[in-house]
Amino acid sequence: MTDDQHEGGFRTDMAISVDKGGPRYGEFVESARLFMDRVRAAMPTEELVDELIDELAAINAKLEAVAIDEWNSPSGTRIDLPARGNITLPPYLVNRADATGVDATLRFTRFHLGGNNAAHGGYIGTAFDDLLGMTGALATGKVTRTAYLTVNYRSITPLYTDLSVTTQVTKVDGRKIFVAAQMRDGDRLCAEADGLFIALNPGQP
């Protein structure tokens, strides 16, 4: 087992590329995101539900036929795409990323609705977790796991708005990386977080 390999397949070398899935993979991901938005907003008839179930069954069968392990899948490794092409994450674009922290632009859509046109707090936490995990990895050059993450919601986080997310490393103590983040709508603070991430040892899942 090499230094970048971990039990359960968890490793730092994720075979990152910008061509897996082909040149239209990003368009495919955005179509899937739009579909999730449409499902969240729709009130379909019974007939349309029946029709869509059949169509989705055909699509799912095609995708199942090309399923692959997580380390070779484009999803999560396409660094040229929002949120690395991972549809489970709120889409964000990284504007700056180095050993001190990350600056990103994030936009929540209808799929992330919590209520009354505000983003769901769970998706806010998901965005923080991913970007702070990136922050810990950049600070140490190692894969990190979340030890704890505390989110404070300061004001309403809107949908369909470009939000800025800024993360910082506040302290490094051996394998412990203490981090913080803020999410803003312009000058208004929407939410902030602090967390502890642990750099994994070789062979640690």
N, C-alpha and C. Protein backbone atom coordinates (compact mmCIF):
# COMPACT_ATOMS: atom_id res chain seq x y z
N MET A 1 0.85 -1.20 0.00
CA MET A 1 0.00 0.00 0.00
C MET A 1 0.88 1.24 0.00
N THR A 2 0.69 2.14 -0.95
CA THR A 2 1.49 3.35 -1.04
C THR A 2 0.94 4.42 -0.12
N ASP A 3 1.68 5.53 0.02
CA ASP A 3 1.29 6.58 0.95
C ASP A 3 -0.04 7.23 0.60
N ASP A 4 -0.40 7.21 -0.68
CA ASP A 4 -1.64 7.88 -1.05
C ASP A 4 -2.81 6.91 -1.20
N GLN A 5 -2.64 5.68 -0.71
CA GLN A 5 -3.72 4.71 -0.76
C GLN A 5 -4.23 4.47 0.66
N HIS A 6 -5.52 4.23 0.77
CA HIS A 6 -6.13 4.03 2.07
C HIS A 6 -7.11 2.88 2.00
N GLU A 7 -7.29 2.24 3.13
CA GLU A 7 -8.24 1.14 3.20
C GLU A 7 -9.61 1.63 2.73
N GLY A 8 -10.31 0.74 2.07
CA GLY A 8 -11.60 1.12 1.53
C GLY A 8 -11.48 1.96 0.27
N GLY A 9 -10.26 2.07 -0.27
CA GLY A 9 -10.06 2.83 -1.49
C GLY A 9 -9.88 4.32 -1.27
N PHE A 10 -9.92 4.78 -0.01
CA PHE A 10 -9.81 6.22 0.25
C PHE A 10 -8.36 6.64 0.06
N ARG A 11 -8.11 7.54 -0.87
CA ARG A 11 -6.75 7.95 -1.17
C ARG A 11 -6.72 9.36 -1.72
N THR A 12 -5.56 9.95 -1.72
CA THR A 12 -5.45 11.32 -2.18
C THR A 12 -5.44 11.42 -3.70
N ASP A 13 -4.87 10.44 -4.37
CA ASP A 13 -4.80 10.47 -5.83
C ASP A 13 -6.12 9.97 -6.39
N MET A 14 -6.97 10.89 -6.80
CA MET A 14 -8.29 10.52 -7.32
C MET A 14 -8.32 10.53 -8.84
N ALA A 15 -7.15 10.40 -9.46
CA ALA A 15 -7.07 10.37 -10.92
C ALA A 15 -7.81 11.56 -11.52
N ILE A 16 -7.52 12.75 -10.97
CA ILE A 16 -8.19 13.96 -11.41
C ILE A 16 -7.88 14.24 -12.87
N SER A 17 -8.90 14.60 -13.63
CA SER A 17 -8.70 14.96 -15.02
C SER A 17 -9.77 15.96 -15.41
N VAL A 18 -9.66 16.49 -16.61
CA VAL A 18 -10.67 17.41 -17.11
C VAL A 18 -11.31 16.87 -18.38
N ASP A 19 -11.11 15.59 -18.65
CA ASP A 19 -11.68 15.04 -19.88
C ASP A 19 -12.54 13.78 -19.67
N LYS A 20 -12.59 13.25 -18.45
CA LYS A 20 -13.44 12.09 -18.21
C LYS A 20 -14.89 12.44 -18.48
N GLY A 21 -15.58 11.57 -19.18
CA GLY A 21 -16.98 11.83 -19.52
C GLY A 21 -17.14 12.64 -20.79
N GLY A 22 -16.04 13.13 -21.33
CA GLY A 22 -16.10 13.86 -22.58
C GLY A 22 -16.37 15.34 -22.41
N PRO A 23 -16.29 16.09 -23.51
CA PRO A 23 -16.42 17.55 -23.45
C PRO A 23 -17.80 18.05 -23.03
N ARG A 24 -18.82 17.20 -23.13
CA ARG A 24 -20.18 17.63 -22.76
C ARG A 24 -20.61 17.10 -21.39
N TYR A 25 -19.67 16.53 -20.62
CA TYR A 25 -20.04 15.97 -19.32
C TYR A 25 -20.59 17.07 -18.40
N GLY A 26 -20.00 18.25 -18.46
CA GLY A 26 -20.51 19.35 -17.64
C GLY A 26 -21.94 19.71 -17.99
N GLU A 27 -22.26 19.69 -19.28
CA GLU A 27 -23.63 19.96 -19.72
C GLU A 27 -24.58 18.87 -19.20
N PHE A 28 -24.09 17.63 -19.19
CA PHE A 28 -24.87 16.51 -18.66
C PHE A 28 -25.18 16.72 -17.18
N VAL A 29 -24.17 17.13 -16.42
CA VAL A 29 -24.36 17.37 -14.98
C VAL A 29 -25.35 18.50 -14.75
N GLU A 30 -25.22 19.58 -15.52
CA GLU A 30 -26.13 20.71 -15.35
C GLU A 30 -27.56 20.32 -15.73
N SER A 31 -27.71 19.44 -16.71
CA SER A 31 -29.05 18.95 -17.06
C SER A 31 -29.64 18.15 -15.90
N ALA A 32 -28.80 17.37 -15.22
CA ALA A 32 -29.26 16.61 -14.06
C ALA A 32 -29.65 17.56 -12.93
N ARG A 33 -28.87 18.62 -12.74
CA ARG A 33 -29.21 19.62 -11.71
C ARG A 33 -30.55 20.29 -12.03
N LEU A 34 -30.74 20.63 -13.30
CA LEU A 34 -32.00 21.25 -13.71
C LEU A 34 -33.16 20.30 -13.49
N PHE A 35 -32.94 19.02 -13.76
CA PHE A 35 -33.98 18.02 -13.53
C PHE A 35 -34.37 18.00 -12.05
N MET A 36 -33.40 18.04 -11.15
CA MET A 36 -33.70 18.03 -9.72
C MET A 36 -34.49 19.27 -9.33
N ASP A 37 -34.13 20.42 -9.92
CA ASP A 37 -34.91 21.64 -9.68
C ASP A 37 -36.35 21.47 -10.15
N ARG A 38 -36.51 20.90 -11.35
CA ARG A 38 -37.84 20.75 -11.93
C ARG A 38 -38.69 19.78 -11.10
N VAL A 39 -38.08 18.70 -10.63
CA VAL A 39 -38.81 17.75 -9.79
C VAL A 39 -39.28 18.43 -8.51
N ARG A 40 -38.41 19.22 -7.92
CA ARG A 40 -38.75 19.90 -6.66
C ARG A 40 -39.91 20.88 -6.86
N ALA A 41 -40.00 21.47 -8.03
CA ALA A 41 -41.01 22.51 -8.26
C ALA A 41 -42.30 21.99 -8.88
N ALA A 42 -42.30 20.75 -9.37
CA ALA A 42 -43.42 20.27 -10.19
C ALA A 42 -44.57 19.69 -9.37
N MET A 43 -45.76 19.79 -9.94
CA MET A 43 -46.93 19.06 -9.46
C MET A 43 -47.49 18.29 -10.65
N PRO A 44 -46.90 17.15 -10.98
CA PRO A 44 -47.28 16.42 -12.20
C PRO A 44 -48.61 15.70 -12.05
N THR A 45 -49.24 15.46 -13.17
CA THR A 45 -50.45 14.64 -13.18
C THR A 45 -50.06 13.17 -12.99
N GLU A 46 -51.04 12.35 -12.66
CA GLU A 46 -50.77 10.92 -12.52
C GLU A 46 -50.24 10.34 -13.83
N GLU A 47 -50.82 10.82 -14.93
CA GLU A 47 -50.40 10.31 -16.24
C GLU A 47 -48.94 10.68 -16.53
N LEU A 48 -48.56 11.92 -16.18
CA LEU A 48 -47.19 12.34 -16.41
C LEU A 48 -46.22 11.58 -15.51
N VAL A 49 -46.63 11.31 -14.27
CA VAL A 49 -45.78 10.52 -13.38
C VAL A 49 -45.53 9.14 -13.99
N ASP A 50 -46.57 8.49 -14.48
CA ASP A 50 -46.41 7.17 -15.11
C ASP A 50 -45.44 7.25 -16.29
N GLU A 51 -45.61 8.28 -17.10
CA GLU A 51 -44.75 8.45 -18.28
C GLU A 51 -43.30 8.67 -17.88
N LEU A 52 -43.09 9.54 -16.89
CA LEU A 52 -41.73 9.86 -16.48
C LEU A 52 -41.04 8.67 -15.81
N ILE A 53 -41.78 7.88 -15.05
CA ILE A 53 -41.19 6.69 -14.42
C ILE A 53 -40.63 5.76 -15.48
N ASP A 54 -41.38 5.56 -16.56
CA ASP A 54 -40.90 4.68 -17.64
C ASP A 54 -39.66 5.27 -18.31
N GLU A 55 -39.68 6.58 -18.55
CA GLU A 55 -38.52 7.21 -19.19
C GLU A 55 -37.30 7.16 -18.28
N LEU A 56 -37.51 7.40 -16.98
CA LEU A 56 -36.39 7.35 -16.04
C LEU A 56 -35.85 5.93 -15.89
N ALA A 57 -36.70 4.95 -15.96
CA ALA A 57 -36.24 3.56 -15.88
C ALA A 57 -35.28 3.26 -17.02
N ALA A 58 -35.60 3.76 -18.21
CA ALA A 58 -34.72 3.55 -19.36
C ALA A 58 -33.40 4.29 -19.18
N ILE A 59 -33.46 5.51 -18.68
CA ILE A 59 -32.24 6.29 -18.45
C ILE A 59 -31.38 5.62 -17.37
N ASN A 60 -32.01 5.19 -16.28
CA ASN A 60 -31.26 4.55 -15.20
C ASN A 60 -30.59 3.26 -15.66
N ALA A 61 -31.25 2.53 -16.53
CA ALA A 61 -30.66 1.30 -17.05
C ALA A 61 -29.40 1.61 -17.88
N LYS A 62 -29.44 2.69 -18.67
CA LYS A 62 -28.27 3.09 -19.45
C LYS A 62 -27.12 3.49 -18.54
N LEU A 63 -27.43 4.22 -17.47
CA LEU A 63 -26.37 4.66 -16.56
C LEU A 63 -25.82 3.50 -15.74
N GLU A 64 -26.70 2.58 -15.36
CA GLU A 64 -26.23 1.41 -14.61
C GLU A 64 -25.24 0.59 -15.43
N ALA A 65 -25.43 0.57 -16.73
CA ALA A 65 -24.56 -0.22 -17.60
C ALA A 65 -23.15 0.35 -17.68
N VAL A 66 -22.98 1.62 -17.30
CA VAL A 66 -21.65 2.24 -17.37
C VAL A 66 -21.17 2.68 -15.98
N ALA A 67 -21.76 2.11 -14.93
CA ALA A 67 -21.35 2.44 -13.56
C ALA A 67 -19.91 2.00 -13.32
N ILE A 68 -19.19 2.78 -12.51
CA ILE A 68 -17.77 2.52 -12.26
C ILE A 68 -17.46 2.89 -10.82
N ASP A 69 -16.32 2.47 -10.31
CA ASP A 69 -15.96 2.79 -8.93
C ASP A 69 -15.78 4.29 -8.75
N GLU A 70 -15.85 4.74 -7.49
CA GLU A 70 -15.85 6.17 -7.21
C GLU A 70 -14.56 6.86 -7.61
N TRP A 71 -13.44 6.13 -7.66
CA TRP A 71 -12.16 6.78 -7.92
C TRP A 71 -11.92 7.06 -9.39
N ASN A 72 -12.65 6.36 -10.25
CA ASN A 72 -12.49 6.57 -11.68
C ASN A 72 -13.67 7.28 -12.33
N SER A 73 -14.68 7.57 -11.54
CA SER A 73 -15.85 8.28 -12.06
C SER A 73 -15.52 9.75 -12.27
N PRO A 74 -16.08 10.37 -13.31
CA PRO A 74 -15.87 11.82 -13.50
C PRO A 74 -16.46 12.64 -12.36
N SER A 75 -17.57 12.17 -11.79
CA SER A 75 -18.24 12.92 -10.72
C SER A 75 -17.32 13.04 -9.51
N GLY A 76 -17.04 14.29 -9.15
CA GLY A 76 -16.18 14.54 -8.00
C GLY A 76 -14.72 14.75 -8.33
N THR A 77 -14.34 14.48 -9.58
CA THR A 77 -12.94 14.65 -9.98
C THR A 77 -12.74 15.64 -11.13
N ARG A 78 -13.83 16.10 -11.72
CA ARG A 78 -13.71 17.05 -12.83
C ARG A 78 -13.51 18.46 -12.26
N ILE A 79 -12.27 18.81 -12.01
CA ILE A 79 -11.95 20.07 -11.34
C ILE A 79 -12.28 21.29 -12.19
N ASP A 80 -12.59 21.07 -13.47
CA ASP A 80 -12.97 22.19 -14.34
C ASP A 80 -14.45 22.53 -14.24
N LEU A 81 -15.22 21.75 -13.48
CA LEU A 81 -16.66 21.94 -13.41
C LEU A 81 -17.10 22.42 -12.02
N PRO A 82 -18.26 23.07 -11.93
CA PRO A 82 -18.77 23.47 -10.61
C PRO A 82 -18.85 22.28 -9.67
N ALA A 83 -18.35 22.47 -8.44
CA ALA A 83 -18.34 21.43 -7.41
C ALA A 83 -17.74 20.12 -7.93
N ARG A 84 -16.76 20.25 -8.81
CA ARG A 84 -16.03 19.10 -9.38
C ARG A 84 -16.97 18.11 -10.09
N GLY A 85 -18.10 18.62 -10.58
CA GLY A 85 -19.03 17.75 -11.31
C GLY A 85 -19.84 16.83 -10.42
N ASN A 86 -19.88 17.10 -9.12
CA ASN A 86 -20.59 16.26 -8.17
C ASN A 86 -21.98 16.84 -7.92
N ILE A 87 -23.04 16.18 -8.40
CA ILE A 87 -24.39 16.73 -8.28
C ILE A 87 -24.92 16.64 -6.86
N THR A 88 -24.27 15.91 -5.97
CA THR A 88 -24.74 15.86 -4.58
C THR A 88 -24.34 17.12 -3.81
N LEU A 89 -23.46 17.95 -4.39
CA LEU A 89 -23.01 19.18 -3.74
C LEU A 89 -23.72 20.38 -4.35
N PRO A 90 -24.00 21.42 -3.55
CA PRO A 90 -24.45 22.67 -4.15
C PRO A 90 -23.37 23.18 -5.10
N PRO A 91 -23.75 23.67 -6.28
CA PRO A 91 -22.72 24.06 -7.25
C PRO A 91 -21.97 25.31 -6.83
N TYR A 92 -20.66 25.22 -6.84
CA TYR A 92 -19.83 26.38 -6.53
C TYR A 92 -18.65 26.42 -7.50
N LEU A 93 -18.11 27.61 -7.67
CA LEU A 93 -16.91 27.83 -8.48
C LEU A 93 -15.82 28.34 -7.56
N VAL A 94 -14.64 27.76 -7.66
CA VAL A 94 -13.51 28.18 -6.84
C VAL A 94 -12.79 29.32 -7.53
N ASN A 95 -12.67 30.44 -6.85
CA ASN A 95 -11.96 31.60 -7.39
C ASN A 95 -10.51 31.66 -6.94
N ARG A 96 -10.24 31.13 -5.74
CA ARG A 96 -8.87 31.07 -5.22
C ARG A 96 -8.79 29.89 -4.27
N ALA A 97 -7.68 29.18 -4.32
CA ALA A 97 -7.49 28.05 -3.42
C ALA A 97 -5.99 27.87 -3.18
N ASP A 98 -5.57 27.98 -1.93
CA ASP A 98 -4.17 27.74 -1.58
C ASP A 98 -4.10 27.22 -0.15
N ALA A 99 -2.92 27.16 0.41
CA ALA A 99 -2.72 26.56 1.72
C ALA A 99 -3.34 27.37 2.85
N THR A 100 -3.75 28.61 2.57
CA THR A 100 -4.34 29.45 3.62
C THR A 100 -5.85 29.42 3.62
N GLY A 101 -6.46 29.04 2.50
CA GLY A 101 -7.92 29.01 2.44
C GLY A 101 -8.45 29.04 1.03
N VAL A 102 -9.77 29.15 0.93
CA VAL A 102 -10.47 29.06 -0.36
C VAL A 102 -11.47 30.21 -0.47
N ASP A 103 -11.58 30.79 -1.64
CA ASP A 103 -12.65 31.73 -1.98
C ASP A 103 -13.48 31.09 -3.08
N ALA A 104 -14.79 31.04 -2.88
CA ALA A 104 -15.66 30.40 -3.87
C ALA A 104 -16.94 31.20 -4.04
N THR A 105 -17.60 31.00 -5.17
CA THR A 105 -18.90 31.57 -5.44
C THR A 105 -19.91 30.44 -5.53
N LEU A 106 -20.99 30.55 -4.78
CA LEU A 106 -21.97 29.47 -4.61
C LEU A 106 -23.36 30.00 -4.96
N ARG A 107 -24.15 29.14 -5.58
CA ARG A 107 -25.51 29.55 -5.95
C ARG A 107 -26.48 28.41 -5.64
N PHE A 108 -27.39 28.64 -4.71
CA PHE A 108 -28.42 27.67 -4.40
C PHE A 108 -29.60 27.85 -5.36
N THR A 109 -30.25 26.74 -5.73
CA THR A 109 -31.39 26.77 -6.63
C THR A 109 -32.60 26.10 -5.98
N ARG A 110 -33.68 25.90 -6.74
CA ARG A 110 -34.93 25.39 -6.19
C ARG A 110 -34.74 24.05 -5.47
N PHE A 111 -33.86 23.21 -5.96
CA PHE A 111 -33.62 21.92 -5.33
C PHE A 111 -33.18 22.08 -3.88
N HIS A 112 -32.49 23.18 -3.57
CA HIS A 112 -31.95 23.41 -2.23
C HIS A 112 -32.90 24.19 -1.32
N LEU A 113 -34.14 24.35 -1.76
CA LEU A 113 -35.12 25.15 -1.02
C LEU A 113 -35.40 24.56 0.36
N GLY A 114 -35.33 25.44 1.37
CA GLY A 114 -35.75 25.04 2.71
C GLY A 114 -37.18 25.50 2.97
N GLY A 115 -37.49 26.71 2.53
CA GLY A 115 -38.84 27.26 2.69
C GLY A 115 -38.81 28.76 2.52
N ASN A 116 -39.86 29.30 1.95
CA ASN A 116 -40.01 30.74 1.78
C ASN A 116 -38.83 31.34 1.02
N ASN A 117 -38.42 30.64 -0.03
CA ASN A 117 -37.35 31.09 -0.94
C ASN A 117 -35.98 31.17 -0.27
N ALA A 118 -35.81 30.47 0.84
CA ALA A 118 -34.51 30.44 1.52
C ALA A 118 -33.86 29.06 1.35
N ALA A 119 -32.55 29.05 1.32
CA ALA A 119 -31.82 27.79 1.19
C ALA A 119 -31.97 26.95 2.46
N HIS A 120 -32.04 25.65 2.28
CA HIS A 120 -32.14 24.70 3.39
C HIS A 120 -30.82 24.71 4.17
N GLY A 121 -30.93 24.73 5.49
CA GLY A 121 -29.73 24.78 6.32
C GLY A 121 -28.81 23.59 6.11
N GLY A 122 -29.37 22.43 5.77
CA GLY A 122 -28.53 21.25 5.55
C GLY A 122 -27.62 21.41 4.35
N TYR A 123 -28.12 22.07 3.31
CA TYR A 123 -27.29 22.28 2.13
C TYR A 123 -26.22 23.34 2.39
N ILE A 124 -26.54 24.29 3.26
CA ILE A 124 -25.51 25.26 3.66
C ILE A 124 -24.38 24.53 4.38
N GLY A 125 -24.76 23.63 5.29
CA GLY A 125 -23.75 22.83 5.98
C GLY A 125 -22.95 21.94 5.05
N THR A 126 -23.63 21.37 4.05
CA THR A 126 -22.93 20.54 3.07
C THR A 126 -21.88 21.33 2.31
N ALA A 127 -22.24 22.54 1.90
CA ALA A 127 -21.29 23.40 1.19
C ALA A 127 -20.09 23.73 2.08
N PHE A 128 -20.35 24.08 3.33
CA PHE A 128 -19.27 24.37 4.25
C PHE A 128 -18.36 23.15 4.43
N ASP A 129 -18.96 21.99 4.62
CA ASP A 129 -18.18 20.77 4.87
C ASP A 129 -17.24 20.47 3.71
N ASP A 130 -17.75 20.60 2.49
CA ASP A 130 -16.91 20.28 1.34
C ASP A 130 -15.78 21.29 1.17
N LEU A 131 -16.10 22.57 1.28
CA LEU A 131 -15.08 23.60 1.08
C LEU A 131 -14.07 23.64 2.23
N LEU A 132 -14.51 23.34 3.43
CA LEU A 132 -13.57 23.27 4.55
C LEU A 132 -12.71 22.02 4.47
N GLY A 133 -13.27 20.93 3.96
CA GLY A 133 -12.45 19.75 3.73
C GLY A 133 -11.37 20.02 2.70
N MET A 134 -11.74 20.77 1.65
CA MET A 134 -10.75 21.18 0.66
C MET A 134 -9.68 22.05 1.31
N THR A 135 -10.10 22.94 2.20
CA THR A 135 -9.17 23.82 2.89
C THR A 135 -8.16 23.02 3.71
N GLY A 136 -8.65 22.03 4.44
CA GLY A 136 -7.76 21.19 5.23
C GLY A 136 -6.80 20.40 4.39
N ALA A 137 -7.27 19.90 3.25
CA ALA A 137 -6.41 19.13 2.36
C ALA A 137 -5.32 20.01 1.75
N LEU A 138 -5.68 21.23 1.35
CA LEU A 138 -4.69 22.13 0.77
C LEU A 138 -3.66 22.57 1.81
N ALA A 139 -4.08 22.68 3.06
CA ALA A 139 -3.17 23.11 4.12
C ALA A 139 -2.14 22.04 4.47
N THR A 140 -2.51 20.77 4.27
CA THR A 140 -1.63 19.67 4.69
C THR A 140 -1.11 18.80 3.55
N GLY A 141 -1.76 18.87 2.40
CA GLY A 141 -1.39 17.98 1.31
C GLY A 141 -1.87 16.57 1.53
N LYS A 142 -2.83 16.39 2.44
CA LYS A 142 -3.33 15.06 2.77
C LYS A 142 -4.85 15.04 2.72
N VAL A 143 -5.40 13.84 2.61
CA VAL A 143 -6.84 13.67 2.72
C VAL A 143 -7.24 13.95 4.17
N THR A 144 -8.37 14.64 4.36
CA THR A 144 -8.85 14.95 5.70
C THR A 144 -10.27 14.42 5.89
N ARG A 145 -10.60 14.18 7.15
CA ARG A 145 -11.96 13.79 7.54
C ARG A 145 -12.50 14.82 8.52
N THR A 146 -13.80 15.04 8.47
CA THR A 146 -14.43 15.98 9.39
C THR A 146 -14.51 15.37 10.79
N ALA A 147 -13.97 16.08 11.78
CA ALA A 147 -14.13 15.67 13.18
C ALA A 147 -15.34 16.35 13.79
N TYR A 148 -15.47 17.65 13.54
CA TYR A 148 -16.69 18.34 13.91
C TYR A 148 -16.86 19.55 13.00
N LEU A 149 -18.11 19.96 12.86
CA LEU A 149 -18.44 21.13 12.06
C LEU A 149 -19.61 21.83 12.72
N THR A 150 -19.42 23.08 13.10
CA THR A 150 -20.47 23.88 13.73
C THR A 150 -20.88 24.99 12.77
N VAL A 151 -22.17 25.08 12.49
CA VAL A 151 -22.70 26.11 11.59
C VAL A 151 -23.61 27.03 12.37
N ASN A 152 -23.38 28.32 12.24
CA ASN A 152 -24.25 29.33 12.82
C ASN A 152 -24.94 30.08 11.68
N TYR A 153 -26.27 30.09 11.73
CA TYR A 153 -27.06 30.73 10.69
C TYR A 153 -27.40 32.15 11.16
N ARG A 154 -26.85 33.14 10.46
CA ARG A 154 -26.95 34.53 10.91
C ARG A 154 -28.10 35.30 10.26
N SER A 155 -28.44 34.94 9.02
CA SER A 155 -29.56 35.59 8.34
C SER A 155 -30.00 34.69 7.20
N ILE A 156 -31.09 35.07 6.55
CA ILE A 156 -31.64 34.24 5.48
C ILE A 156 -30.64 34.10 4.34
N THR A 157 -30.47 32.88 3.87
CA THR A 157 -29.61 32.61 2.72
C THR A 157 -30.51 32.40 1.51
N PRO A 158 -30.47 33.30 0.52
CA PRO A 158 -31.43 33.25 -0.58
C PRO A 158 -31.06 32.24 -1.67
N LEU A 159 -32.05 31.88 -2.44
CA LEU A 159 -31.84 31.09 -3.65
C LEU A 159 -31.52 32.02 -4.81
N TYR A 160 -30.97 31.44 -5.88
CA TYR A 160 -30.73 32.14 -7.14
C TYR A 160 -29.94 33.45 -6.95
N THR A 161 -28.98 33.40 -6.07
CA THR A 161 -28.14 34.55 -5.77
C THR A 161 -26.69 34.09 -5.68
N ASP A 162 -25.78 34.81 -6.29
CA ASP A 162 -24.37 34.47 -6.18
C ASP A 162 -23.87 34.84 -4.79
N LEU A 163 -23.51 33.84 -4.02
CA LEU A 163 -23.04 34.01 -2.66
C LEU A 163 -21.53 33.79 -2.62
N SER A 164 -20.85 34.52 -1.77
CA SER A 164 -19.41 34.32 -1.61
C SER A 164 -19.16 33.47 -0.37
N VAL A 165 -18.27 32.52 -0.52
CA VAL A 165 -17.85 31.68 0.61
C VAL A 165 -16.34 31.81 0.74
N THR A 166 -15.90 32.16 1.93
CA THR A 166 -14.47 32.32 2.21
C THR A 166 -14.10 31.42 3.36
N THR A 167 -13.03 30.65 3.21
CA THR A 167 -12.57 29.76 4.28
C THR A 167 -11.15 30.14 4.67
N GLN A 168 -10.81 29.81 5.91
CA GLN A 168 -9.48 30.09 6.42
C GLN A 168 -9.01 28.93 7.30
N VAL A 169 -7.71 28.72 7.32
CA VAL A 169 -7.10 27.84 8.32
C VAL A 169 -6.79 28.69 9.53
N THR A 170 -7.32 28.31 10.67
CA THR A 170 -7.09 29.10 11.88
C THR A 170 -5.98 28.54 12.76
N LYS A 171 -5.73 27.22 12.63
CA LYS A 171 -4.67 26.62 13.44
C LYS A 171 -4.38 25.22 12.92
N VAL A 172 -3.12 24.83 12.95
CA VAL A 172 -2.73 23.46 12.62
C VAL A 172 -1.95 22.91 13.80
N ASP A 173 -2.41 21.79 14.33
CA ASP A 173 -1.77 21.14 15.47
C ASP A 173 -1.56 19.68 15.13
N GLY A 174 -0.40 19.38 14.57
CA GLY A 174 -0.15 18.02 14.11
C GLY A 174 -1.10 17.65 13.00
N ARG A 175 -1.87 16.60 13.20
CA ARG A 175 -2.85 16.17 12.19
C ARG A 175 -4.16 16.92 12.30
N LYS A 176 -4.30 17.78 13.28
CA LYS A 176 -5.53 18.53 13.48
C LYS A 176 -5.47 19.86 12.73
N ILE A 177 -6.47 20.09 11.87
CA ILE A 177 -6.55 21.35 11.14
C ILE A 177 -7.84 22.05 11.55
N PHE A 178 -7.70 23.19 12.20
CA PHE A 178 -8.85 23.98 12.61
C PHE A 178 -9.15 25.01 11.51
N VAL A 179 -10.41 25.08 11.12
CA VAL A 179 -10.79 25.91 9.97
C VAL A 179 -12.04 26.71 10.29
N ALA A 180 -12.28 27.75 9.51
CA ALA A 180 -13.47 28.58 9.66
C ALA A 180 -13.92 29.04 8.29
N ALA A 181 -15.19 29.45 8.20
CA ALA A 181 -15.74 29.89 6.91
C ALA A 181 -16.88 30.86 7.13
N GLN A 182 -17.12 31.68 6.12
CA GLN A 182 -18.24 32.61 6.11
C GLN A 182 -18.93 32.54 4.76
N MET A 183 -20.24 32.69 4.79
CA MET A 183 -21.05 32.75 3.56
C MET A 183 -21.79 34.07 3.56
N ARG A 184 -21.64 34.83 2.47
CA ARG A 184 -22.20 36.18 2.43
C ARG A 184 -23.01 36.41 1.16
N ASP A 185 -24.05 37.22 1.30
CA ASP A 185 -24.79 37.77 0.19
C ASP A 185 -24.39 39.24 0.12
N GLY A 186 -23.41 39.56 -0.70
CA GLY A 186 -22.84 40.90 -0.69
C GLY A 186 -22.13 41.12 0.63
N ASP A 187 -22.50 42.18 1.33
CA ASP A 187 -21.90 42.48 2.63
C ASP A 187 -22.61 41.77 3.78
N ARG A 188 -23.76 41.19 3.50
CA ARG A 188 -24.56 40.57 4.57
C ARG A 188 -24.07 39.16 4.87
N LEU A 189 -23.80 38.89 6.14
CA LEU A 189 -23.38 37.56 6.57
C LEU A 189 -24.60 36.65 6.67
N CYS A 190 -24.61 35.58 5.88
CA CYS A 190 -25.72 34.63 5.92
C CYS A 190 -25.47 33.52 6.93
N ALA A 191 -24.25 32.99 6.93
CA ALA A 191 -23.91 31.89 7.83
C ALA A 191 -22.40 31.84 7.99
N GLU A 192 -21.98 31.23 9.08
CA GLU A 192 -20.56 31.02 9.31
C GLU A 192 -20.36 29.67 9.97
N ALA A 193 -19.16 29.15 9.86
CA ALA A 193 -18.88 27.82 10.39
C ALA A 193 -17.46 27.75 10.92
N ASP A 194 -17.27 26.85 11.86
CA ASP A 194 -15.92 26.50 12.29
C ASP A 194 -15.87 24.99 12.45
N GLY A 195 -14.71 24.43 12.23
CA GLY A 195 -14.61 22.98 12.27
C GLY A 195 -13.21 22.50 12.55
N LEU A 196 -13.14 21.21 12.80
CA LEU A 196 -11.88 20.51 12.99
C LEU A 196 -11.83 19.36 12.00
N PHE A 197 -10.77 19.32 11.21
CA PHE A 197 -10.56 18.24 10.26
C PHE A 197 -9.26 17.52 10.63
N ILE A 198 -9.26 16.22 10.42
CA ILE A 198 -8.12 15.39 10.78
C ILE A 198 -7.47 14.86 9.51
N ALA A 199 -6.15 15.11 9.39
CA ALA A 199 -5.40 14.55 8.25
C ALA A 199 -5.21 13.05 8.47
N LEU A 200 -5.55 12.26 7.49
CA LEU A 200 -5.48 10.82 7.62
C LEU A 200 -4.05 10.31 7.47
N ASN A 201 -3.75 9.26 8.23
CA ASN A 201 -2.48 8.56 8.07
C ASN A 201 -2.60 7.57 6.92
N PRO A 202 -1.47 7.20 6.30
CA PRO A 202 -1.52 6.17 5.26
C PRO A 202 -2.18 4.90 5.79
N GLY A 203 -3.13 4.36 5.02
CA GLY A 203 -3.83 3.16 5.43
C GLY A 203 -5.05 3.41 6.28
N GLN A 204 -5.30 4.66 6.65
CA GLN A 204 -6.46 4.98 7.49
C GLN A 204 -7.66 5.31 6.61
N PRO A 205 -8.79 4.65 6.83
CA PRO A 205 -9.95 4.90 5.96
C PRO A 205 -10.63 6.21 6.27
